[in-house]
PDB file of N, CA and C in Angstrom:
ATOM      1  N   MET A   1     -21.854 107.987 -87.155  1.00  0.00           N
ATOM      2  CA  MET A   1     -21.489 109.147 -87.980  1.00  0.00           C
ATOM      3  C   MET A   1     -20.037 109.270 -88.163  1.00  0.00           C
ATOM      4  N   LEU A   2     -19.481 109.162 -89.381  1.00  0.00           N
ATOM      5  CA  LEU A   2     -18.152 109.296 -89.598  1.00  0.00           C
ATOM      6  C   LEU A   2     -17.735 110.753 -89.966  1.00  0.00           C
ATOM      7  N   THR A   3     -16.777 111.316 -89.294  1.00  0.00           N
ATOM      8  CA  THR A   3     -16.403 112.772 -89.641  1.00  0.00           C
ATOM      9  C   THR A   3     -14.868 112.749 -89.978  1.00  0.00           C
ATOM     10  N   GLY A   4     -14.520 113.777 -90.754  1.00  0.00           N
ATOM     11  CA  GLY A   4     -13.119 113.755 -91.201  1.00  0.00           C
ATOM     12  C   GLY A   4     -12.314 114.938 -90.380  1.00  0.00           C
ATOM     13  N   SER A   5     -11.024 115.156 -90.733  1.00  0.00           N
ATOM     14  CA  SER A   5     -10.339 116.242 -90.103  1.00  0.00           C
ATOM     15  C   SER A   5      -9.930 117.088 -91.059  1.00  0.00           C
ATOM     16  N   ASP A   6      -8.600 117.138 -91.323  1.00  0.00           N
ATOM     17  CA  ASP A   6      -8.076 118.142 -92.286  1.00  0.00           C
ATOM     18  C   ASP A   6      -8.444 117.749 -93.760  1.00  0.00           C
ATOM     19  N   GLY A   7      -8.876 116.494 -94.026  1.00  0.00           N
ATOM     20  CA  GLY A   7      -9.287 116.162 -95.333  1.00  0.00           C
ATOM     21  C   GLY A   7     -10.614 116.787 -95.891  1.00  0.00           C
ATOM     22  N   VAL A   8     -11.258 117.444 -94.887  1.00  0.00           N
ATOM     23  CA  VAL A   8     -12.631 117.982 -95.183  1.00  0.00           C
ATOM     24  C   VAL A   8     -12.614 119.538 -95.292  1.00  0.00           C
ATOM     25  N   VAL A   9     -11.523 120.178 -95.288  1.00  0.00           N
ATOM     26  CA  VAL A   9     -11.422 121.657 -95.226  1.00  0.00           C
ATOM     27  C   VAL A   9     -11.999 122.188 -96.555  1.00  0.00           C
ATOM     28  N   GLY A  10     -11.922 121.513 -97.689  1.00  0.00           N
ATOM     29  CA  GLY A  10     -12.536 121.957 -98.862  1.00  0.00           C
ATOM     30  C   GLY A  10     -13.929 121.919 -98.910  1.00  0.00           C
ATOM     31  N   VAL A  11     -14.626 120.944 -98.352  1.00  0.00           N
ATOM     32  CA  VAL A  11     -16.143 120.866 -98.287  1.00  0.00           C
ATOM     33  C   VAL A  11     -16.618 121.831 -97.197  1.00  0.00           C
ATOM     34  N   THR A  12     -15.807 122.101 -96.280  1.00  0.00           N
ATOM     35  CA  THR A  12     -16.218 123.023 -95.219  1.00  0.00           C
ATOM     36  C   THR A  12     -16.277 124.431 -95.772  1.00  0.00           C
ATOM     37  N   ALA A  13     -15.235 124.774 -96.611  1.00  0.00           N
ATOM     38  CA  ALA A  13     -15.144 125.968 -97.234  1.00  0.00           C
ATOM     39  C   ALA A  13     -16.388 126.155 -98.204  1.00  0.00           C
ATOM     40  N   LEU A  14     -16.600 125.098 -98.899  1.00  0.00           N
ATOM     41  CA  LEU A  14     -17.789 125.218 -99.970  1.00  0.00           C
ATOM     42  C   LEU A  14     -18.972 125.398 -99.137  1.00  0.00           C
ATOM     43  N   TYR A  15     -19.250 124.831 -98.106  1.00  0.00           N
ATOM     44  CA  TYR A  15     -20.436 125.037 -97.267  1.00  0.00           C
ATOM     45  C   TYR A  15     -20.515 126.459 -96.799  1.00  0.00           C
ATOM     46  N   ARG A  16     -19.471 126.966 -96.204  1.00  0.00           N
ATOM     47  CA  ARG A  16     -19.535 128.297 -95.850  1.00  0.00           C
ATOM     48  C   ARG A  16     -19.854 129.357 -96.905  1.00  0.00           C
ATOM     49  N   ASN A  17     -19.184 129.138 -98.155  1.00  0.00           N
ATOM     50  CA  ASN A  17     -19.562 129.968 -99.189  1.00  0.00           C
ATOM     51  C   ASN A  17     -20.933 129.913 -99.713  1.00  0.00           C
ATOM     52  N   LEU A  18     -21.363 128.695 -99.709  1.00  0.00           N
ATOM     53  CA  LEU A  18     -22.839 128.452-100.079  1.00  0.00           C
ATOM     54  C   LEU A  18     -23.860 129.023 -99.125  1.00  0.00           C
ATOM     55  N   ALA A  19     -23.558 128.936 -97.816  1.00  0.00           N
ATOM     56  CA  ALA A  19     -24.436 129.454 -96.828  1.00  0.00           C
ATOM     57  C   ALA A  19     -24.440 130.960 -96.879  1.00  0.00           C
ATOM     58  N   SER A  20     -23.338 131.573 -97.219  1.00  0.00           N
ATOM     59  CA  SER A  20     -23.124 133.022 -97.224  1.00  0.00           C
ATOM     60  C   SER A  20     -23.971 133.506 -98.495  1.00  0.00           C
ATOM     61  N   ALA A  21     -23.826 132.877 -99.556  1.00  0.00           N
ATOM     62  CA  ALA A  21     -24.488 133.320-100.869  1.00  0.00           C
ATOM     63  C   ALA A  21     -25.968 133.137-100.625  1.00  0.00           C
ATOM     64  N   LEU A  22     -26.449 132.105 -99.989  1.00  0.00           N
ATOM     65  CA  LEU A  22     -27.930 131.855 -99.754  1.00  0.00           C
ATOM     66  C   LEU A  22     -28.398 133.112 -98.841  1.00  0.00           C
ATOM     67  N   LEU A  23     -27.635 133.327 -97.795  1.00  0.00           N
ATOM     68  CA  LEU A  23     -28.076 134.496 -97.025  1.00  0.00           C
ATOM     69  C   LEU A  23     -28.123 135.732 -97.652  1.00  0.00           C
ATOM     70  N   LYS A  24     -27.101 136.031 -98.531  1.00  0.00           N
ATOM     71  CA  LYS A  24     -27.117 137.266 -99.379  1.00  0.00           C
ATOM     72  C   LYS A  24     -28.330 137.388-100.325  1.00  0.00           C
ATOM     73  N   ALA A  25     -28.800 136.156-100.740  1.00  0.00           N
ATOM     74  CA  ALA A  25     -29.916 136.147-101.654  1.00  0.00           C
ATOM     75  C   ALA A  25     -31.199 136.034-100.854  1.00  0.00           C
ATOM     76  N   GLY A  26     -31.121 136.260 -99.483  1.00  0.00           N
ATOM     77  CA  GLY A  26     -32.471 136.320 -98.770  1.00  0.00           C
ATOM     78  C   GLY A  26     -32.982 134.924 -98.298  1.00  0.00           C
ATOM     79  N   ILE A  27     -32.138 133.898 -98.558  1.00  0.00           N
ATOM     80  CA  ILE A  27     -32.583 132.496 -98.169  1.00  0.00           C
ATOM     81  C   ILE A  27     -32.162 132.244 -96.741  1.00  0.00           C
ATOM     82  N   THR A  28     -32.916 132.180 -95.803  1.00  0.00           N
ATOM     83  CA  THR A  28     -32.457 132.075 -94.431  1.00  0.00           C
ATOM     84  C   THR A  28     -32.718 130.519 -93.893  1.00  0.00           C
ATOM     85  N   GLY A  29     -32.308 130.292 -92.780  1.00  0.00           N
ATOM     86  CA  GLY A  29     -32.491 128.910 -92.138  1.00  0.00           C
ATOM     87  C   GLY A  29     -31.321 127.958 -92.348  1.00  0.00           C
ATOM     88  N   ASN A  30     -30.180 128.484 -92.763  1.00  0.00           N
ATOM     89  CA  ASN A  30     -28.923 127.613 -93.019  1.00  0.00           C
ATOM     90  C   ASN A  30     -28.074 127.801 -91.881  1.00  0.00           C
ATOM     91  N   PRO A  31     -27.646 126.895 -91.160  1.00  0.00           N
ATOM     92  CA  PRO A  31     -26.702 127.030 -90.120  1.00  0.00           C
ATOM     93  C   PRO A  31     -25.339 127.571 -90.616  1.00  0.00           C
ATOM     94  N   LEU A  32     -24.679 128.372 -89.672  1.00  0.00           N
ATOM     95  CA  LEU A  32     -23.478 129.012 -90.186  1.00  0.00           C
ATOM     96  C   LEU A  32     -22.416 127.983 -90.189  1.00  0.00           C
ATOM     97  N   SER A  33     -22.491 126.903 -89.521  1.00  0.00           N
ATOM     98  CA  SER A  33     -21.436 125.963 -89.442  1.00  0.00           C
ATOM     99  C   SER A  33     -21.995 124.473 -89.902  1.00  0.00           C
ATOM    100  N   TYR A  34     -21.106 123.686 -90.366  1.00  0.00           N
ATOM    101  CA  TYR A  34     -21.519 122.427 -90.814  1.00  0.00           C
ATOM    102  C   TYR A  34     -20.372 121.408 -90.544  1.00  0.00           C
ATOM    103  N   THR A  35     -20.694 120.197 -90.040  1.00  0.00           N
ATOM    104  CA  THR A  35     -19.683 119.150 -89.889  1.00  0.00           C
ATOM    105  C   THR A  35     -19.860 118.131 -91.012  1.00  0.00           C
ATOM    106  N   PRO A  36     -18.933 118.174 -91.955  1.00  0.00           N
ATOM    107  CA  PRO A  36     -18.954 117.100 -93.070  1.00  0.00           C
ATOM    108  C   PRO A  36     -18.866 115.852 -92.278  1.00  0.00           C
ATOM    109  N   HIS A  37     -19.736 114.931 -92.839  1.00  0.00           N
ATOM    110  CA  HIS A  37     -19.902 113.570 -92.118  1.00  0.00           C
ATOM    111  C   HIS A  37     -20.596 112.598 -93.045  1.00  0.00           C
ATOM    112  N   VAL A  38     -20.543 111.327 -92.657  1.00  0.00           N
ATOM    113  CA  VAL A  38     -21.235 110.261 -93.486  1.00  0.00           C
ATOM    114  C   VAL A  38     -22.127 109.528 -92.323  1.00  0.00           C
ATOM    115  N   THR A  39     -23.494 109.682 -92.420  1.00  0.00           N
ATOM    116  CA  THR A  39     -24.402 109.054 -91.512  1.00  0.00           C
ATOM    117  C   THR A  39     -24.498 107.549 -91.774  1.00  0.00           C
ATOM    118  N   LEU A  40     -24.105 106.765 -90.790  1.00  0.00           N
ATOM    119  CA  LEU A  40     -24.209 105.244 -91.079  1.00  0.00           C
ATOM    120  C   LEU A  40     -25.535 104.652 -90.631  1.00  0.00           C
ATOM    121  N   LEU A  41     -26.327 105.339 -89.653  1.00  0.00           N
ATOM    122  CA  LEU A  41     -27.381 104.680 -89.074  1.00  0.00           C
ATOM    123  C   LEU A  41     -28.305 105.822 -88.373  1.00  0.00           C
ATOM    124  N   TYR A  42     -29.552 105.948 -88.626  1.00  0.00           N
ATOM    125  CA  TYR A  42     -30.446 106.707 -87.724  1.00  0.00           C
ATOM    126  C   TYR A  42     -31.104 105.772 -86.758  1.00  0.00           C
ATOM    127  N   ASP A  43     -30.632 105.971 -85.451  1.00  0.00           N
ATOM    128  CA  ASP A  43     -31.124 105.001 -84.493  1.00  0.00           C
ATOM    129  C   ASP A  43     -30.847 105.729 -83.071  1.00  0.00           C
ATOM    130  N   ASP A  44     -31.344 105.137 -81.991  1.00  0.00           N
ATOM    131  CA  ASP A  44     -31.112 105.673 -80.717  1.00  0.00           C
ATOM    132  C   ASP A  44     -29.793 104.991 -80.158  1.00  0.00           C
ATOM    133  N   ILE A  45     -29.067 104.138 -80.915  1.00  0.00           N
ATOM    134  CA  ILE A  45     -27.908 103.504 -80.346  1.00  0.00           C
ATOM    135  C   ILE A  45     -26.785 104.426 -80.500  1.00  0.00           C
ATOM    136  N   THR A  46     -25.942 104.618 -79.386  1.00  0.00           N
ATOM    137  CA  THR A  46     -24.832 105.348 -79.484  1.00  0.00           C
ATOM    138  C   THR A  46     -23.472 104.469 -79.408  1.00  0.00           C
ATOM    139  N   ALA A  47     -22.584 104.738 -80.264  1.00  0.00           N
ATOM    140  CA  ALA A  47     -21.319 103.908 -80.220  1.00  0.00           C
ATOM    141  C   ALA A  47     -20.273 104.835 -79.890  1.00  0.00           C
ATOM    142  N   ALA A  48     -19.258 104.215 -79.166  1.00  0.00           N
ATOM    143  CA  ALA A  48     -18.105 104.947 -78.731  1.00  0.00           C
ATOM    144  C   ALA A  48     -17.337 105.403 -79.991  1.00  0.00           C
ATOM    145  N   PRO A  49     -16.675 106.558 -79.903  1.00  0.00           N
ATOM    146  CA  PRO A  49     -15.793 107.024 -80.967  1.00  0.00           C
ATOM    147  C   PRO A  49     -14.549 106.042 -81.266  1.00  0.00           C
ATOM    148  N   ALA A  50     -14.343 105.839 -82.395  1.00  0.00           N
ATOM    149  CA  ALA A  50     -13.265 104.821 -82.788  1.00  0.00           C
ATOM    150  C   ALA A  50     -12.529 105.225 -84.035  1.00  0.00           C
ATOM    151  N   ALA A  51     -11.226 105.122 -84.055  1.00  0.00           N
ATOM    152  CA  ALA A  51     -10.478 105.410 -85.291  1.00  0.00           C
ATOM    153  C   ALA A  51     -10.848 104.481 -86.399  1.00  0.00           C
ATOM    154  N   VAL A  52     -10.887 105.006 -87.578  1.00  0.00           N
ATOM    155  CA  VAL A  52     -11.167 104.141 -88.860  1.00  0.00           C
ATOM    156  C   VAL A  52     -10.081 104.544 -89.847  1.00  0.00           C
ATOM    157  N   THR A  53      -9.780 103.515 -90.845  1.00  0.00           N
ATOM    158  CA  THR A  53      -8.931 103.832 -91.852  1.00  0.00           C
ATOM    159  C   THR A  53      -9.550 104.790 -92.791  1.00  0.00           C
ATOM    160  N   PRO A  54      -8.944 105.865 -93.246  1.00  0.00           N
ATOM    161  CA  PRO A  54      -9.560 106.891 -94.133  1.00  0.00           C
ATOM    162  C   PRO A  54     -10.071 106.186 -95.389  1.00  0.00           C
ATOM    163  N   ILE A  55     -11.152 106.566 -95.980  1.00  0.00           N
ATOM    164  CA  ILE A  55     -11.651 106.047 -97.375  1.00  0.00           C
ATOM    165  C   ILE A  55     -11.754 107.248 -98.218  1.00  0.00           C
ATOM    166  N   GLU A  56     -11.723 106.937 -99.386  1.00  0.00           N
ATOM    167  CA  GLU A  56     -11.877 107.930-100.591  1.00  0.00           C
ATOM    168  C   GLU A  56     -12.749 107.394-101.647  1.00  0.00           C
ATOM    169  N   TRP A  57     -13.517 108.239-102.240  1.00  0.00           N
ATOM    170  CA  TRP A  57     -14.332 107.804-103.482  1.00  0.00           C
ATOM    171  C   TRP A  57     -14.280 109.144-104.426  1.00  0.00           C
ATOM    172  N   PRO A  58     -14.391 108.807-105.708  1.00  0.00           N
ATOM    173  CA  PRO A  58     -14.432 109.885-106.612  1.00  0.00           C
ATOM    174  C   PRO A  58     -15.770 110.559-106.560  1.00  0.00           C
ATOM    175  N   VAL A  59     -15.724 111.943-106.817  1.00  0.00           N
ATOM    176  CA  VAL A  59     -16.905 112.756-106.908  1.00  0.00           C
ATOM    177  C   VAL A  59     -17.138 113.058-108.350  1.00  0.00           C
ATOM    178  N   ARG A  60     -18.310 112.688-108.893  1.00  0.00           N
ATOM    179  CA  ARG A  60     -18.581 112.868-110.262  1.00  0.00           C
ATOM    180  C   ARG A  60     -19.635 114.128-110.567  1.00  0.00           C
ATOM    181  N   GLU A  61     -20.393 114.375-109.548  1.00  0.00           N
ATOM    182  CA  GLU A  61     -21.382 115.404-109.666  1.00  0.00           C
ATOM    183  C   GLU A  61     -21.833 115.955-108.287  1.00  0.00           C
ATOM    184  N   LEU A  62     -22.291 117.253-108.383  1.00  0.00           N
ATOM    185  CA  LEU A  62     -22.796 117.901-107.320  1.00  0.00           C
ATOM    186  C   LEU A  62     -24.347 117.985-107.310  1.00  0.00           C
ATOM    187  N   LEU A  63     -25.019 117.602-106.268  1.00  0.00           N
ATOM    188  CA  LEU A  63     -26.587 117.634-106.231  1.00  0.00           C
ATOM    189  C   LEU A  63     -26.926 118.682-105.354  1.00  0.00           C
ATOM    190  N   LEU A  64     -28.025 119.380-105.625  1.00  0.00           N
ATOM    191  CA  LEU A  64     -28.821 120.317-104.750  1.00  0.00           C
ATOM    192  C   LEU A  64     -29.982 119.514-104.395  1.00  0.00           C
ATOM    193  N   LEU A  65     -30.160 119.154-103.001  1.00  0.00           N
ATOM    194  CA  LEU A  65     -31.304 118.293-102.520  1.00  0.00           C
ATOM    195  C   LEU A  65     -32.131 119.116-101.644  1.00  0.00           C
ATOM    196  N   HIS A  66     -33.388 118.819-101.635  1.00  0.00           N
ATOM    197  CA  HIS A  66     -34.345 119.156-100.730  1.00  0.00           C
ATOM    198  C   HIS A  66     -34.632 118.103 -99.727  1.00  0.00           C
ATOM    199  N   SER A  67     -34.179 118.254 -98.396  1.00  0.00           N
ATOM    200  CA  SER A  67     -34.432 117.113 -97.375  1.00  0.00           C
ATOM    201  C   SER A  67     -35.741 117.415 -96.755  1.00  0.00           C
ATOM    202  N   HIS A  68     -36.548 116.407 -96.453  1.00  0.00           N
ATOM    203  CA  HIS A  68     -37.596 116.412 -95.672  1.00  0.00           C
ATOM    204  C   HIS A  68     -37.381 115.856 -94.328  1.00  0.00           C
ATOM    205  N   ILE A  69     -36.811 116.651 -93.487  1.00  0.00           N
ATOM    206  CA  ILE A  69     -36.240 116.277 -92.251  1.00  0.00           C
ATOM    207  C   ILE A  69     -37.465 115.907 -91.373  1.00  0.00           C
ATOM    208  N   GLY A  70     -37.335 114.592 -90.763  1.00  0.00           N
ATOM    209  CA  GLY A  70     -38.376 114.064 -89.959  1.00  0.00           C
ATOM    210  C   GLY A  70     -39.570 113.605 -90.509  1.00  0.00           C
ATOM    211  N   GLN A  71     -39.659 113.478 -91.902  1.00  0.00           N
ATOM    212  CA  GLN A  71     -40.828 113.137 -92.579  1.00  0.00           C
ATOM    213  C   GLN A  71     -40.787 111.733 -93.271  1.00  0.00           C
ATOM    214  N   ALA A  72     -39.721 111.132 -93.072  1.00  0.00           N
ATOM    215  CA  ALA A  72     -39.457 109.825 -93.705  1.00  0.00           C
ATOM    216  C   ALA A  72     -39.759 109.670 -95.181  1.00  0.00           C
ATOM    217  N   ARG A  73     -39.387 110.756 -95.801  1.00  0.00           N
ATOM    218  CA  ARG A  73     -39.557 110.821 -97.266  1.00  0.00           C
ATOM    219  C   ARG A  73     -38.057 111.069 -97.900  1.00  0.00           C
ATOM    220  N   PRO A  74     -38.100 110.549 -99.211  1.00  0.00           N
ATOM    221  CA  PRO A  74     -36.704 110.689 -99.891  1.00  0.00           C
ATOM    222  C   PRO A  74     -36.429 112.071-100.263  1.00  0.00           C
ATOM    223  N   TYR A  75     -35.174 112.340-100.442  1.00  0.00           N
ATOM    224  CA  TYR A  75     -34.758 113.629-101.013  1.00  0.00           C
ATOM    225  C   TYR A  75     -35.209 113.940-102.333  1.00  0.00           C
ATOM    226  N   ASN A  76     -35.609 115.242-102.602  1.00  0.00           N
ATOM    227  CA  ASN A  76     -35.855 115.579-103.955  1.00  0.00           C
ATOM    228  C   ASN A  76     -34.713 116.192-104.575  1.00  0.00           C
ATOM    229  N   ILE A  77     -34.260 115.854-105.785  1.00  0.00           N
ATOM    230  CA  ILE A  77     -33.146 116.458-106.494  1.00  0.00           C
ATOM    231  C   ILE A  77     -33.646 117.686-107.143  1.00  0.00           C
ATOM    232  N   LEU A  78     -33.124 118.799-106.761  1.00  0.00           N
ATOM    233  CA  LEU A  78     -33.533 120.186-107.292  1.00  0.00           C
ATOM    234  C   LEU A  78     -32.696 120.553-108.399  1.00  0.00           C
ATOM    235  N   ALA A  79     -31.335 120.123-108.452  1.00  0.00           N
ATOM    236  CA  ALA A  79     -30.450 120.463-109.524  1.00  0.00           C
ATOM    237  C   ALA A  79     -29.240 119.521-109.477  1.00  0.00           C
ATOM    238  N   ARG A  80     -28.593 119.365-110.530  1.00  0.00           N
ATOM    239  CA  ARG A  80     -27.303 118.535-110.504  1.00  0.00           C
ATOM    240  C   ARG A  80     -26.253 119.172-111.533  1.00  0.00           C
ATOM    241  N   TRP A  81     -25.007 119.097-111.113  1.00  0.00           N
ATOM    242  CA  TRP A  81     -23.883 119.643-111.905  1.00  0.00           C
ATOM    243  C   TRP A  81     -22.807 118.573-111.999  1.00  0.00           C
ATOM    244  N   PRO A  82     -22.427 118.151-113.245  1.00  0.00           N
ATOM    245  CA  PRO A  82     -21.327 117.262-113.414  1.00  0.00           C
ATOM    246  C   PRO A  82     -19.977 117.993-113.035  1.00  0.00           C
ATOM    247  N   LEU A  83     -19.049 117.187-112.501  1.00  0.00           N
ATOM    248  CA  LEU A  83     -17.841 117.866-112.062  1.00  0.00           C
ATOM    249  C   LEU A  83     -16.745 117.229-112.994  1.00  0.00           C
TER     250      LEU A  83
END
């Protein structure tokens, strides 16, 4: 899993605002905190932390996904917004 530092404050704030809005709308089950990351592999192998060169990519749209955690099924796209 790759995590960022200061470069992810925007997505962290976005998550906090979304989680708060969902809670106000009566939708529960969203953790209050989130660690922005990129998952590289789902496995039992643990690698030691190592520094990597920062990477960037353009973001063209925002997707709302339904994740089927632990069910080995693909995400369902519920909505999408161009940026």
